[in-house]
Amino acid sequence: MTDLEVLQTYINIVPFLAQVCGPGSEIAVHDVADPEHSLVAIRNNVSGREIGNPLTDFARDIIDKGSYINADYLTNYTGRNKNGEFLSSTYFIKNQGRLIGLLCINKDMNAVQNLNNAVSNLLEWFNLSRCEDTEFSESLDKPMSGLMRDRIQEIIAESGISPARMSIHEKVRIVHRMSDEGILNVKGSVPEIAAQLFVSVPTVYRYLNKREQ
C-alpha cells in the first residue's frame, strides 16, 4: 500500500472514533510528510485547530528524536494550548516501519477540572474534606453484637482446633486471649463464648480465673 492509502484507512475511522469517544474527545490525523500543513482530518474539535494546521512542537520533537522507532504509541500525556488542557494520546502510523502519520486523541479536561473544583468546594463547604484524627470510629455495617460474634469465631478458627476436640488448657488460652482483646467487656459476649466453646457460662468465668498455661 502507498503512504496515502495507509493514511486514508486511518482517516476513514476518525468519524467512528469520534462517535465512540464522545464530543469531549478530539480525534485527529496528521500527515508528517507535510509538517507545515499536516492536519488532514479532525472531529470533535476541542483544541480549536483546523484542517491544514501544522504539526505541534511536541510532534516535531517525537519525529526528531525517533521516539516512534521502538514504540507504537504514547498514551495519557498532558497537552495544552490556548483553549485549555488535554489528556492526549498518539498512535504512530507507519508503513513498512517508516513513520507516515499520527493518529491523535485529545480529551478535553476543562469539564473534568471544573467538576473536580466544584466537588472540592462542596466538600469544603460542608467540612467533609477529610476526617479529623480521632480515637473514635464507627462501623455502620453490623451491630456490635454481630462484630463480637464474628471475632469470637475468628479467634477459635485461628487455633486450628475444633472446640469439640479442644483440651481445657486450649480453651483457657482462648478465653484469656478474648479477655485481652476486650471482647468480654461487650454485652452478651460470655454466653456467646460459652456457646461457641461448648461449655457453660460459669465455666467461661472459671477459665478466666485460671492461670493461662
N, C-alpha and C. Protein backbone atom coordinates (compact mmCIF):
# COMPACT_ATOMS: atom_id res chain seq x y z
N MET A 1 0.84 -1.20 0.00
CA MET A 1 0.00 0.00 0.00
C MET A 1 0.87 1.25 0.00
N THR A 2 0.40 2.29 -0.67
CA THR A 2 1.13 3.55 -0.65
C THR A 2 0.88 4.25 0.68
N ASP A 3 1.71 5.25 0.95
CA ASP A 3 1.54 6.01 2.19
C ASP A 3 0.16 6.64 2.26
N LEU A 4 -0.31 7.19 1.14
CA LEU A 4 -1.63 7.84 1.12
C LEU A 4 -2.74 6.83 1.39
N GLU A 5 -2.58 5.61 0.88
CA GLU A 5 -3.60 4.58 1.11
C GLU A 5 -3.64 4.17 2.58
N VAL A 6 -2.47 4.05 3.19
CA VAL A 6 -2.42 3.71 4.62
C VAL A 6 -3.05 4.83 5.44
N LEU A 7 -2.66 6.06 5.15
CA LEU A 7 -3.24 7.20 5.87
C LEU A 7 -4.76 7.25 5.73
N GLN A 8 -5.24 6.94 4.53
CA GLN A 8 -6.67 7.02 4.28
C GLN A 8 -7.46 6.04 5.15
N THR A 9 -6.87 4.89 5.45
CA THR A 9 -7.57 3.93 6.30
C THR A 9 -7.80 4.51 7.70
N TYR A 10 -6.84 5.29 8.15
CA TYR A 10 -6.99 5.92 9.47
C TYR A 10 -7.94 7.11 9.41
N ILE A 11 -7.87 7.86 8.32
CA ILE A 11 -8.79 8.98 8.15
C ILE A 11 -10.24 8.48 8.13
N ASN A 12 -10.43 7.30 7.54
CA ASN A 12 -11.79 6.76 7.43
C ASN A 12 -12.41 6.39 8.78
N ILE A 13 -11.56 6.05 9.77
CA ILE A 13 -12.13 5.66 11.07
C ILE A 13 -12.26 6.83 12.04
N VAL A 14 -11.82 8.02 11.63
CA VAL A 14 -11.92 9.18 12.52
C VAL A 14 -13.36 9.45 12.95
N PRO A 15 -14.36 9.45 12.02
CA PRO A 15 -15.74 9.69 12.47
C PRO A 15 -16.23 8.63 13.46
N PHE A 16 -15.83 7.38 13.25
CA PHE A 16 -16.22 6.29 14.16
C PHE A 16 -15.65 6.52 15.55
N LEU A 17 -14.35 6.81 15.63
CA LEU A 17 -13.72 7.04 16.93
C LEU A 17 -14.32 8.26 17.63
N ALA A 18 -14.63 9.29 16.86
CA ALA A 18 -15.23 10.49 17.43
C ALA A 18 -16.59 10.19 18.05
N GLN A 19 -17.36 9.33 17.37
CA GLN A 19 -18.68 8.96 17.87
C GLN A 19 -18.56 8.12 19.14
N VAL A 20 -17.61 7.18 19.13
CA VAL A 20 -17.43 6.29 20.27
C VAL A 20 -16.90 7.03 21.49
N CYS A 21 -15.91 7.88 21.29
CA CYS A 21 -15.26 8.57 22.41
C CYS A 21 -16.07 9.73 22.96
N GLY A 22 -16.96 10.28 22.16
CA GLY A 22 -17.81 11.37 22.64
C GLY A 22 -17.28 12.74 22.28
N PRO A 23 -18.14 13.76 22.41
CA PRO A 23 -17.79 15.12 21.95
C PRO A 23 -16.64 15.77 22.70
N GLY A 24 -16.28 15.24 23.86
CA GLY A 24 -15.16 15.82 24.60
C GLY A 24 -13.82 15.28 24.19
N SER A 25 -13.81 14.36 23.20
CA SER A 25 -12.56 13.75 22.74
C SER A 25 -12.31 14.11 21.28
N GLU A 26 -11.27 14.85 21.04
CA GLU A 26 -10.91 15.25 19.69
C GLU A 26 -10.09 14.13 19.03
N ILE A 27 -10.46 13.79 17.80
CA ILE A 27 -9.75 12.78 17.02
C ILE A 27 -9.11 13.48 15.82
N ALA A 28 -7.81 13.30 15.65
CA ALA A 28 -7.10 13.99 14.57
C ALA A 28 -6.08 13.08 13.91
N VAL A 29 -5.88 13.29 12.61
CA VAL A 29 -4.85 12.56 11.86
C VAL A 29 -3.92 13.57 11.21
N HIS A 30 -2.61 13.32 11.37
CA HIS A 30 -1.60 14.18 10.77
C HIS A 30 -0.82 13.40 9.71
N ASP A 31 -0.49 14.07 8.63
CA ASP A 31 0.40 13.54 7.59
C ASP A 31 1.76 14.19 7.80
N VAL A 32 2.74 13.41 8.29
CA VAL A 32 4.03 14.00 8.65
C VAL A 32 4.86 14.38 7.43
N ALA A 33 4.42 14.00 6.25
CA ALA A 33 5.16 14.37 5.04
C ALA A 33 5.05 15.86 4.76
N ASP A 34 4.04 16.50 5.34
CA ASP A 34 3.85 17.94 5.13
C ASP A 34 3.70 18.62 6.49
N PRO A 35 4.81 18.79 7.23
CA PRO A 35 4.76 19.29 8.61
C PRO A 35 4.05 20.63 8.76
N GLU A 36 4.13 21.49 7.76
CA GLU A 36 3.53 22.82 7.89
C GLU A 36 2.02 22.80 7.65
N HIS A 37 1.52 21.72 7.08
CA HIS A 37 0.08 21.59 6.82
C HIS A 37 -0.34 20.14 7.09
N SER A 38 0.07 19.63 8.24
CA SER A 38 -0.02 18.19 8.49
C SER A 38 -1.43 17.69 8.85
N LEU A 39 -2.26 18.54 9.41
CA LEU A 39 -3.57 18.09 9.89
C LEU A 39 -4.51 17.80 8.72
N VAL A 40 -4.83 16.52 8.50
CA VAL A 40 -5.63 16.14 7.34
C VAL A 40 -7.03 15.65 7.71
N ALA A 41 -7.28 15.43 9.00
CA ALA A 41 -8.62 15.01 9.43
C ALA A 41 -8.79 15.37 10.90
N ILE A 42 -10.00 15.84 11.26
CA ILE A 42 -10.27 16.19 12.66
C ILE A 42 -11.77 16.15 12.91
N ARG A 43 -12.15 15.59 14.06
CA ARG A 43 -13.54 15.57 14.51
C ARG A 43 -13.58 15.92 15.99
N ASN A 44 -14.73 16.41 16.44
CA ASN A 44 -14.90 16.86 17.83
C ASN A 44 -13.81 17.87 18.19
N ASN A 45 -13.75 18.93 17.42
CA ASN A 45 -12.67 19.90 17.55
C ASN A 45 -12.76 20.64 18.88
N VAL A 46 -11.96 20.19 19.86
CA VAL A 46 -11.94 20.88 21.16
C VAL A 46 -10.67 21.72 21.32
N SER A 47 -9.71 21.56 20.42
CA SER A 47 -8.46 22.32 20.51
C SER A 47 -8.50 23.60 19.70
N GLY A 48 -9.51 23.74 18.83
CA GLY A 48 -9.61 24.93 18.01
C GLY A 48 -8.78 24.88 16.75
N ARG A 49 -8.19 23.73 16.45
CA ARG A 49 -7.36 23.60 15.24
C ARG A 49 -8.24 23.27 14.02
N GLU A 50 -7.66 23.46 12.83
CA GLU A 50 -8.40 23.24 11.59
C GLU A 50 -7.55 22.43 10.62
N ILE A 51 -8.22 21.84 9.62
CA ILE A 51 -7.52 21.12 8.56
C ILE A 51 -6.46 22.05 7.96
N GLY A 52 -5.26 21.53 7.76
CA GLY A 52 -4.16 22.32 7.19
C GLY A 52 -3.25 22.95 8.22
N ASN A 53 -3.60 22.80 9.53
CA ASN A 53 -2.71 23.34 10.57
C ASN A 53 -1.43 22.51 10.65
N PRO A 54 -0.36 23.10 11.19
CA PRO A 54 0.94 22.40 11.22
C PRO A 54 1.05 21.41 12.38
N LEU A 55 2.11 20.62 12.35
CA LEU A 55 2.43 19.76 13.48
C LEU A 55 2.75 20.59 14.72
N THR A 56 2.44 20.06 15.88
CA THR A 56 2.81 20.73 17.12
C THR A 56 4.31 20.54 17.37
N ASP A 57 4.84 21.35 18.25
CA ASP A 57 6.25 21.21 18.62
C ASP A 57 6.51 19.83 19.22
N PHE A 58 5.54 19.33 19.99
CA PHE A 58 5.69 18.01 20.59
C PHE A 58 5.81 16.93 19.53
N ALA A 59 4.97 17.01 18.50
CA ALA A 59 5.01 16.03 17.42
C ALA A 59 6.34 16.12 16.67
N ARG A 60 6.80 17.34 16.44
CA ARG A 60 8.10 17.51 15.75
C ARG A 60 9.22 16.90 16.58
N ASP A 61 9.12 17.05 17.91
CA ASP A 61 10.15 16.51 18.79
C ASP A 61 10.15 14.98 18.74
N ILE A 62 8.95 14.39 18.66
CA ILE A 62 8.84 12.93 18.54
C ILE A 62 9.57 12.44 17.29
N ILE A 63 9.35 13.15 16.20
CA ILE A 63 9.97 12.77 14.93
C ILE A 63 11.48 12.95 15.00
N ASP A 64 11.93 14.10 15.53
CA ASP A 64 13.36 14.39 15.59
C ASP A 64 14.11 13.38 16.45
N LYS A 65 13.49 12.98 17.55
CA LYS A 65 14.15 12.05 18.48
C LYS A 65 13.97 10.59 18.09
N GLY A 66 13.09 10.33 17.13
CA GLY A 66 12.84 8.95 16.73
C GLY A 66 12.11 8.15 17.78
N SER A 67 11.26 8.81 18.56
CA SER A 67 10.54 8.13 19.64
C SER A 67 9.62 7.03 19.13
N TYR A 68 9.26 7.11 17.87
CA TYR A 68 8.33 6.16 17.28
C TYR A 68 9.01 4.85 16.85
N ILE A 69 10.32 4.84 16.83
CA ILE A 69 11.04 3.69 16.27
C ILE A 69 10.79 2.41 17.07
N ASN A 70 10.86 2.51 18.38
CA ASN A 70 10.69 1.33 19.23
C ASN A 70 9.37 1.33 19.98
N ALA A 71 8.43 2.12 19.53
CA ALA A 71 7.12 2.17 20.19
C ALA A 71 6.03 2.35 19.14
N ASP A 72 4.84 1.92 19.45
CA ASP A 72 3.72 2.09 18.53
C ASP A 72 2.82 3.25 18.93
N TYR A 73 2.95 3.71 20.18
CA TYR A 73 2.07 4.79 20.63
C TYR A 73 2.59 5.39 21.93
N LEU A 74 2.07 6.57 22.25
CA LEU A 74 2.27 7.22 23.55
C LEU A 74 0.88 7.51 24.10
N THR A 75 0.68 7.27 25.40
CA THR A 75 -0.66 7.46 25.95
C THR A 75 -0.65 8.35 27.19
N ASN A 76 -1.76 9.06 27.35
CA ASN A 76 -2.09 9.79 28.58
C ASN A 76 -1.02 10.77 29.03
N TYR A 77 -0.58 11.62 28.11
CA TYR A 77 0.32 12.72 28.47
C TYR A 77 -0.47 14.02 28.40
N THR A 78 0.06 15.05 29.02
CA THR A 78 -0.66 16.32 29.09
C THR A 78 -0.40 17.17 27.85
N GLY A 79 -1.47 17.65 27.26
CA GLY A 79 -1.38 18.59 26.14
C GLY A 79 -2.03 19.91 26.52
N ARG A 80 -1.51 21.00 26.01
CA ARG A 80 -2.07 22.32 26.34
C ARG A 80 -2.05 23.22 25.12
N ASN A 81 -3.04 24.09 25.04
CA ASN A 81 -3.00 25.22 24.12
C ASN A 81 -3.88 26.32 24.69
N LYS A 82 -4.16 27.33 23.91
CA LYS A 82 -4.92 28.47 24.43
C LYS A 82 -6.33 28.09 24.85
N ASN A 83 -6.83 26.98 24.37
CA ASN A 83 -8.19 26.55 24.71
C ASN A 83 -8.27 25.71 25.97
N GLY A 84 -7.13 25.35 26.54
CA GLY A 84 -7.18 24.61 27.80
C GLY A 84 -6.19 23.47 27.86
N GLU A 85 -6.49 22.52 28.72
CA GLU A 85 -5.60 21.38 28.96
C GLU A 85 -6.27 20.10 28.47
N PHE A 86 -5.46 19.19 27.96
CA PHE A 86 -5.98 17.96 27.38
C PHE A 86 -5.20 16.75 27.89
N LEU A 87 -5.88 15.63 27.94
CA LEU A 87 -5.23 14.35 28.18
C LEU A 87 -5.06 13.71 26.81
N SER A 88 -3.82 13.60 26.37
CA SER A 88 -3.54 13.26 24.98
C SER A 88 -2.88 11.90 24.81
N SER A 89 -3.16 11.27 23.67
CA SER A 89 -2.52 10.01 23.29
C SER A 89 -2.27 10.06 21.78
N THR A 90 -1.16 9.46 21.36
CA THR A 90 -0.78 9.47 19.94
C THR A 90 -0.40 8.07 19.48
N TYR A 91 -1.00 7.65 18.37
CA TYR A 91 -0.66 6.38 17.74
C TYR A 91 0.20 6.67 16.52
N PHE A 92 1.34 5.98 16.38
CA PHE A 92 2.26 6.22 15.27
C PHE A 92 1.82 5.40 14.06
N ILE A 93 1.44 6.09 13.01
CA ILE A 93 1.04 5.41 11.77
C ILE A 93 2.28 5.15 10.94
N LYS A 94 2.53 3.87 10.65
CA LYS A 94 3.75 3.50 9.93
C LYS A 94 3.41 2.71 8.68
N ASN A 95 4.32 2.78 7.73
CA ASN A 95 4.23 1.98 6.52
C ASN A 95 5.59 1.33 6.31
N GLN A 96 5.64 0.04 6.53
CA GLN A 96 6.89 -0.71 6.43
C GLN A 96 7.97 -0.10 7.34
N GLY A 97 7.56 0.26 8.57
CA GLY A 97 8.49 0.76 9.56
C GLY A 97 8.75 2.24 9.51
N ARG A 98 8.31 2.91 8.45
CA ARG A 98 8.51 4.36 8.32
C ARG A 98 7.32 5.10 8.92
N LEU A 99 7.61 6.17 9.67
CA LEU A 99 6.53 6.98 10.22
C LEU A 99 5.94 7.84 9.11
N ILE A 100 4.63 7.69 8.89
CA ILE A 100 3.99 8.48 7.85
C ILE A 100 2.87 9.36 8.40
N GLY A 101 2.46 9.10 9.61
CA GLY A 101 1.37 9.90 10.16
C GLY A 101 1.17 9.68 11.64
N LEU A 102 0.26 10.47 12.22
CA LEU A 102 -0.06 10.38 13.64
C LEU A 102 -1.57 10.38 13.81
N LEU A 103 -2.07 9.44 14.60
CA LEU A 103 -3.47 9.43 15.00
C LEU A 103 -3.53 9.92 16.44
N CYS A 104 -4.15 11.05 16.65
CA CYS A 104 -4.12 11.68 17.97
C CYS A 104 -5.52 11.75 18.59
N ILE A 105 -5.59 11.49 19.87
CA ILE A 105 -6.84 11.65 20.64
C ILE A 105 -6.55 12.62 21.78
N ASN A 106 -7.29 13.72 21.81
CA ASN A 106 -7.11 14.75 22.83
C ASN A 106 -8.41 14.91 23.61
N LYS A 107 -8.38 14.52 24.88
CA LYS A 107 -9.57 14.60 25.72
C LYS A 107 -9.58 15.94 26.46
N ASP A 108 -10.66 16.67 26.29
CA ASP A 108 -10.81 17.97 26.92
C ASP A 108 -10.96 17.79 28.42
N MET A 109 -10.00 18.32 29.20
CA MET A 109 -10.02 18.16 30.66
C MET A 109 -10.67 19.33 31.37
N ASN A 110 -11.11 20.34 30.64
CA ASN A 110 -11.69 21.52 31.29
C ASN A 110 -12.94 21.17 32.08
N ALA A 111 -13.82 20.37 31.48
CA ALA A 111 -15.05 19.99 32.18
C ALA A 111 -14.75 19.15 33.41
N VAL A 112 -13.76 18.26 33.28
CA VAL A 112 -13.37 17.41 34.41
C VAL A 112 -12.80 18.26 35.54
N GLN A 113 -11.95 19.22 35.18
CA GLN A 113 -11.36 20.08 36.19
C GLN A 113 -12.42 20.95 36.87
N ASN A 114 -13.38 21.44 36.08
CA ASN A 114 -14.46 22.23 36.67
C ASN A 114 -15.28 21.40 37.65
N LEU A 115 -15.55 20.14 37.26
CA LEU A 115 -16.29 19.26 38.15
C LEU A 115 -15.50 18.96 39.40
N ASN A 116 -14.20 18.72 39.24
CA ASN A 116 -13.35 18.43 40.40
C ASN A 116 -13.32 19.62 41.36
N ASN A 117 -13.24 20.83 40.79
CA ASN A 117 -13.25 22.03 41.63
C ASN A 117 -14.57 22.19 42.35
N ALA A 118 -15.67 21.89 41.65
CA ALA A 118 -16.99 22.00 42.26
C ALA A 118 -17.16 21.02 43.41
N VAL A 119 -16.68 19.78 43.20
CA VAL A 119 -16.77 18.77 44.26
C VAL A 119 -15.90 19.18 45.45
N SER A 120 -14.69 19.68 45.18
CA SER A 120 -13.79 20.11 46.26
C SER A 120 -14.42 21.23 47.07
N ASN A 121 -15.04 22.19 46.36
CA ASN A 121 -15.70 23.30 47.06
C ASN A 121 -16.88 22.81 47.89
N LEU A 122 -17.62 21.84 47.34
CA LEU A 122 -18.76 21.30 48.08
C LEU A 122 -18.30 20.58 49.34
N LEU A 123 -17.24 19.79 49.24
CA LEU A 123 -16.72 19.08 50.41
C LEU A 123 -16.23 20.06 51.47
N GLU A 124 -15.57 21.13 51.01
CA GLU A 124 -15.08 22.13 51.96
C GLU A 124 -16.23 22.89 52.60
N TRP A 125 -17.27 23.16 51.83
CA TRP A 125 -18.42 23.92 52.32
C TRP A 125 -19.10 23.20 53.49
N PHE A 126 -19.15 21.87 53.40
CA PHE A 126 -19.78 21.08 54.46
C PHE A 126 -18.76 20.43 55.39
N ASN A 127 -17.50 20.91 55.31
CA ASN A 127 -16.44 20.41 56.18
C ASN A 127 -16.28 18.90 56.06
N LEU A 128 -16.28 18.41 54.83
CA LEU A 128 -16.14 16.99 54.57
C LEU A 128 -14.82 16.68 53.86
N SER A 129 -13.90 17.61 53.88
CA SER A 129 -12.66 17.45 53.13
C SER A 129 -11.86 16.24 53.61
N ARG A 130 -11.82 16.05 54.92
CA ARG A 130 -11.14 14.87 55.44
C ARG A 130 -11.60 14.62 56.87
N CYS A 131 -11.43 13.39 57.30
CA CYS A 131 -11.80 13.05 58.67
C CYS A 131 -10.71 13.56 59.62
N GLU A 132 -11.11 14.10 60.75
CA GLU A 132 -10.16 14.52 61.75
C GLU A 132 -9.55 13.29 62.42
N ASP A 133 -8.30 13.43 62.88
CA ASP A 133 -7.67 12.35 63.63
C ASP A 133 -8.37 12.20 64.96
N THR A 134 -8.84 11.01 65.25
CA THR A 134 -9.58 10.77 66.48
C THR A 134 -9.48 9.31 66.85
N GLU A 135 -9.65 9.02 68.14
CA GLU A 135 -9.63 7.63 68.60
C GLU A 135 -10.95 6.94 68.34
N PHE A 136 -11.97 7.72 67.94
CA PHE A 136 -13.29 7.16 67.77
C PHE A 136 -13.55 6.75 66.33
N SER A 137 -14.27 5.67 66.15
CA SER A 137 -14.70 5.24 64.84
C SER A 137 -16.00 4.47 65.01
N GLU A 138 -16.71 4.30 63.91
CA GLU A 138 -17.99 3.62 63.97
C GLU A 138 -18.16 2.75 62.75
N SER A 139 -18.60 1.53 62.98
CA SER A 139 -18.95 0.64 61.88
C SER A 139 -20.44 0.69 61.66
N LEU A 140 -20.84 0.97 60.42
CA LEU A 140 -22.26 1.04 60.10
C LEU A 140 -22.75 -0.23 59.44
N ASP A 141 -21.86 -1.21 59.29
CA ASP A 141 -22.23 -2.43 58.59
C ASP A 141 -22.96 -3.41 59.48
N LYS A 142 -22.46 -3.59 60.72
CA LYS A 142 -23.04 -4.57 61.61
C LYS A 142 -23.15 -3.98 63.01
N PRO A 143 -24.13 -4.43 63.81
CA PRO A 143 -24.17 -4.04 65.22
C PRO A 143 -23.00 -4.67 65.95
N MET A 144 -22.69 -4.13 67.14
CA MET A 144 -21.55 -4.62 67.89
C MET A 144 -21.66 -6.10 68.20
N SER A 145 -22.87 -6.57 68.46
CA SER A 145 -23.04 -7.98 68.79
C SER A 145 -22.61 -8.88 67.63
N GLY A 146 -22.90 -8.43 66.40
CA GLY A 146 -22.50 -9.20 65.23
C GLY A 146 -21.00 -9.22 65.06
N LEU A 147 -20.36 -8.07 65.28
CA LEU A 147 -18.91 -8.00 65.17
C LEU A 147 -18.25 -8.85 66.24
N MET A 148 -18.80 -8.81 67.47
CA MET A 148 -18.27 -9.61 68.57
C MET A 148 -18.36 -11.09 68.25
N ARG A 149 -19.51 -11.52 67.73
CA ARG A 149 -19.71 -12.93 67.39
C ARG A 149 -18.71 -13.38 66.31
N ASP A 150 -18.52 -12.51 65.31
CA ASP A 150 -17.58 -12.84 64.24
C ASP A 150 -16.15 -12.96 64.77
N ARG A 151 -15.78 -12.05 65.69
CA ARG A 151 -14.41 -12.08 66.22
C ARG A 151 -14.16 -13.33 67.05
N ILE A 152 -15.15 -13.73 67.82
CA ILE A 152 -15.02 -14.96 68.61
C ILE A 152 -14.80 -16.15 67.68
N GLN A 153 -15.57 -16.20 66.59
CA GLN A 153 -15.40 -17.29 65.62
C GLN A 153 -14.00 -17.26 65.01
N GLU A 154 -13.50 -16.06 64.70
CA GLU A 154 -12.17 -15.94 64.10
C GLU A 154 -11.09 -16.46 65.04
N ILE A 155 -11.16 -16.07 66.32
CA ILE A 155 -10.14 -16.49 67.29
C ILE A 155 -10.14 -18.01 67.45
N ILE A 156 -11.33 -18.58 67.52
CA ILE A 156 -11.42 -20.04 67.65
C ILE A 156 -10.87 -20.71 66.39
N ALA A 157 -11.22 -20.17 65.22
CA ALA A 157 -10.75 -20.76 63.96
C ALA A 157 -9.25 -20.66 63.83
N GLU A 158 -8.66 -19.56 64.33
CA GLU A 158 -7.20 -19.37 64.24
C GLU A 158 -6.43 -20.41 65.04
N SER A 159 -7.08 -21.01 66.02
CA SER A 159 -6.41 -22.05 66.82
C SER A 159 -6.19 -23.31 66.00
N GLY A 160 -7.00 -23.50 64.97
CA GLY A 160 -6.87 -24.66 64.11
C GLY A 160 -7.43 -25.93 64.72
N ILE A 161 -8.15 -25.79 65.82
CA ILE A 161 -8.71 -26.96 66.52
C ILE A 161 -10.20 -26.77 66.70
N SER A 162 -10.98 -27.79 66.42
CA SER A 162 -12.41 -27.73 66.64
C SER A 162 -12.69 -27.64 68.14
N PRO A 163 -13.62 -26.77 68.58
CA PRO A 163 -13.95 -26.68 70.01
C PRO A 163 -14.29 -28.02 70.63
N ALA A 164 -14.89 -28.91 69.86
CA ALA A 164 -15.26 -30.22 70.39
C ALA A 164 -14.03 -31.06 70.74
N ARG A 165 -12.88 -30.74 70.13
CA ARG A 165 -11.66 -31.52 70.34
C ARG A 165 -10.63 -30.78 71.20
N MET A 166 -10.96 -29.57 71.65
CA MET A 166 -10.02 -28.78 72.43
C MET A 166 -9.88 -29.33 73.85
N SER A 167 -8.66 -29.23 74.37
CA SER A 167 -8.43 -29.54 75.77
C SER A 167 -8.85 -28.34 76.63
N ILE A 168 -8.92 -28.55 77.92
CA ILE A 168 -9.27 -27.45 78.83
C ILE A 168 -8.22 -26.35 78.72
N HIS A 169 -6.95 -26.73 78.66
CA HIS A 169 -5.89 -25.72 78.58
C HIS A 169 -6.03 -24.87 77.31
N GLU A 170 -6.40 -25.48 76.22
CA GLU A 170 -6.57 -24.75 74.96
C GLU A 170 -7.74 -23.78 75.06
N LYS A 171 -8.80 -24.21 75.70
CA LYS A 171 -9.95 -23.31 75.87
C LYS A 171 -9.62 -22.17 76.82
N VAL A 172 -8.84 -22.47 77.84
CA VAL A 172 -8.42 -21.42 78.77
C VAL A 172 -7.62 -20.35 78.04
N ARG A 173 -6.69 -20.80 77.15
CA ARG A 173 -5.88 -19.84 76.39
C ARG A 173 -6.76 -18.95 75.51
N ILE A 174 -7.76 -19.55 74.89
CA ILE A 174 -8.65 -18.78 74.01
C ILE A 174 -9.45 -17.76 74.80
N VAL A 175 -9.96 -18.16 75.97
CA VAL A 175 -10.74 -17.23 76.80
C VAL A 175 -9.85 -16.08 77.26
N HIS A 176 -8.62 -16.35 77.63
CA HIS A 176 -7.71 -15.28 78.05
C HIS A 176 -7.38 -14.36 76.88
N ARG A 177 -7.23 -14.91 75.70
CA ARG A 177 -6.96 -14.05 74.54
C ARG A 177 -8.13 -13.12 74.28
N MET A 178 -9.34 -13.68 74.38
CA MET A 178 -10.54 -12.84 74.17
C MET A 178 -10.63 -11.77 75.24
N SER A 179 -10.23 -12.12 76.45
CA SER A 179 -10.25 -11.13 77.53
C SER A 179 -9.25 -10.02 77.25
N ASP A 180 -8.05 -10.41 76.75
CA ASP A 180 -7.02 -9.41 76.44
C ASP A 180 -7.48 -8.45 75.35
N GLU A 181 -8.30 -8.95 74.42
CA GLU A 181 -8.79 -8.10 73.34
C GLU A 181 -10.00 -7.26 73.76
N GLY A 182 -10.48 -7.48 74.98
CA GLY A 182 -11.61 -6.70 75.47
C GLY A 182 -12.96 -7.23 75.04
N ILE A 183 -12.97 -8.44 74.46
CA ILE A 183 -14.23 -8.99 73.97
C ILE A 183 -15.20 -9.24 75.13
N LEU A 184 -14.67 -9.64 76.30
CA LEU A 184 -15.54 -9.95 77.42
C LEU A 184 -16.23 -8.71 77.99
N ASN A 185 -15.76 -7.53 77.58
CA ASN A 185 -16.41 -6.30 78.04
C ASN A 185 -17.67 -5.97 77.24
N VAL A 186 -17.86 -6.70 76.12
CA VAL A 186 -19.02 -6.46 75.28
C VAL A 186 -20.22 -7.22 75.84
N LYS A 187 -21.34 -6.56 75.96
CA LYS A 187 -22.54 -7.19 76.50
C LYS A 187 -22.93 -8.42 75.68
N GLY A 188 -23.16 -9.50 76.36
CA GLY A 188 -23.58 -10.73 75.70
C GLY A 188 -22.44 -11.59 75.22
N SER A 189 -21.18 -11.17 75.47
CA SER A 189 -20.05 -11.92 74.94
C SER A 189 -19.83 -13.25 75.65
N VAL A 190 -20.02 -13.28 76.97
CA VAL A 190 -19.74 -14.51 77.72
C VAL A 190 -20.68 -15.65 77.31
N PRO A 191 -21.99 -15.43 77.20
CA PRO A 191 -22.85 -16.50 76.70
C PRO A 191 -22.47 -16.95 75.28
N GLU A 192 -22.04 -15.99 74.45
CA GLU A 192 -21.64 -16.35 73.08
C GLU A 192 -20.38 -17.19 73.09
N ILE A 193 -19.40 -16.83 73.92
CA ILE A 193 -18.17 -17.61 74.04
C ILE A 193 -18.49 -19.02 74.53
N ALA A 194 -19.35 -19.09 75.53
CA ALA A 194 -19.73 -20.40 76.08
C ALA A 194 -20.37 -21.27 75.01
N ALA A 195 -21.24 -20.68 74.22
CA ALA A 195 -21.94 -21.45 73.19
C ALA A 195 -20.97 -21.96 72.14
N GLN A 196 -20.01 -21.09 71.74
CA GLN A 196 -19.09 -21.49 70.67
C GLN A 196 -18.02 -22.47 71.16
N LEU A 197 -17.73 -22.46 72.47
CA LEU A 197 -16.75 -23.40 73.02
C LEU A 197 -17.41 -24.66 73.59
N PHE A 198 -18.74 -24.71 73.53
CA PHE A 198 -19.50 -25.86 74.04
C PHE A 198 -19.27 -26.06 75.54
N VAL A 199 -19.30 -24.95 76.27
CA VAL A 199 -19.19 -25.02 77.73
C VAL A 199 -20.28 -24.13 78.32
N SER A 200 -20.40 -24.14 79.64
CA SER A 200 -21.40 -23.31 80.32
C SER A 200 -20.83 -21.93 80.60
N VAL A 201 -21.72 -21.00 80.91
CA VAL A 201 -21.28 -19.64 81.25
C VAL A 201 -20.39 -19.65 82.49
N PRO A 202 -20.76 -20.35 83.57
CA PRO A 202 -19.87 -20.39 84.74
C PRO A 202 -18.48 -20.95 84.40
N THR A 203 -18.44 -21.90 83.45
CA THR A 203 -17.14 -22.47 83.07
C THR A 203 -16.26 -21.42 82.42
N VAL A 204 -16.85 -20.55 81.61
CA VAL A 204 -16.06 -19.47 81.00
C VAL A 204 -15.43 -18.62 82.08
N TYR A 205 -16.18 -18.29 83.13
CA TYR A 205 -15.63 -17.48 84.21
C TYR A 205 -14.54 -18.24 84.96
N ARG A 206 -14.71 -19.57 85.12
CA ARG A 206 -13.66 -20.36 85.77
C ARG A 206 -12.39 -20.34 84.93
N TYR A 207 -12.56 -20.46 83.56
CA TYR A 207 -11.41 -20.39 82.67
C TYR A 207 -10.69 -19.06 82.83
N LEU A 208 -11.47 -18.01 82.99
CA LEU A 208 -10.91 -16.67 83.10
C LEU A 208 -10.07 -16.54 84.38
N ASN A 209 -10.47 -17.24 85.43
CA ASN A 209 -9.77 -17.16 86.70
C ASN A 209 -8.60 -18.11 86.78
N LYS A 210 -8.50 -19.03 85.80
CA LYS A 210 -7.38 -19.96 85.77
C LYS A 210 -6.14 -19.26 85.21
N ARG A 211 -5.00 -19.65 85.72
CA ARG A 211 -3.75 -19.14 85.17
C ARG A 211 -3.56 -19.76 83.78
N GLU A 212 -3.26 -18.91 82.78
CA GLU A 212 -3.11 -19.42 81.42
C GLU A 212 -1.87 -20.31 81.35
N GLN A 213 -2.05 -21.48 80.73
CA GLN A 213 -0.96 -22.47 80.64
C GLN A 213 -0.09 -22.19 79.42
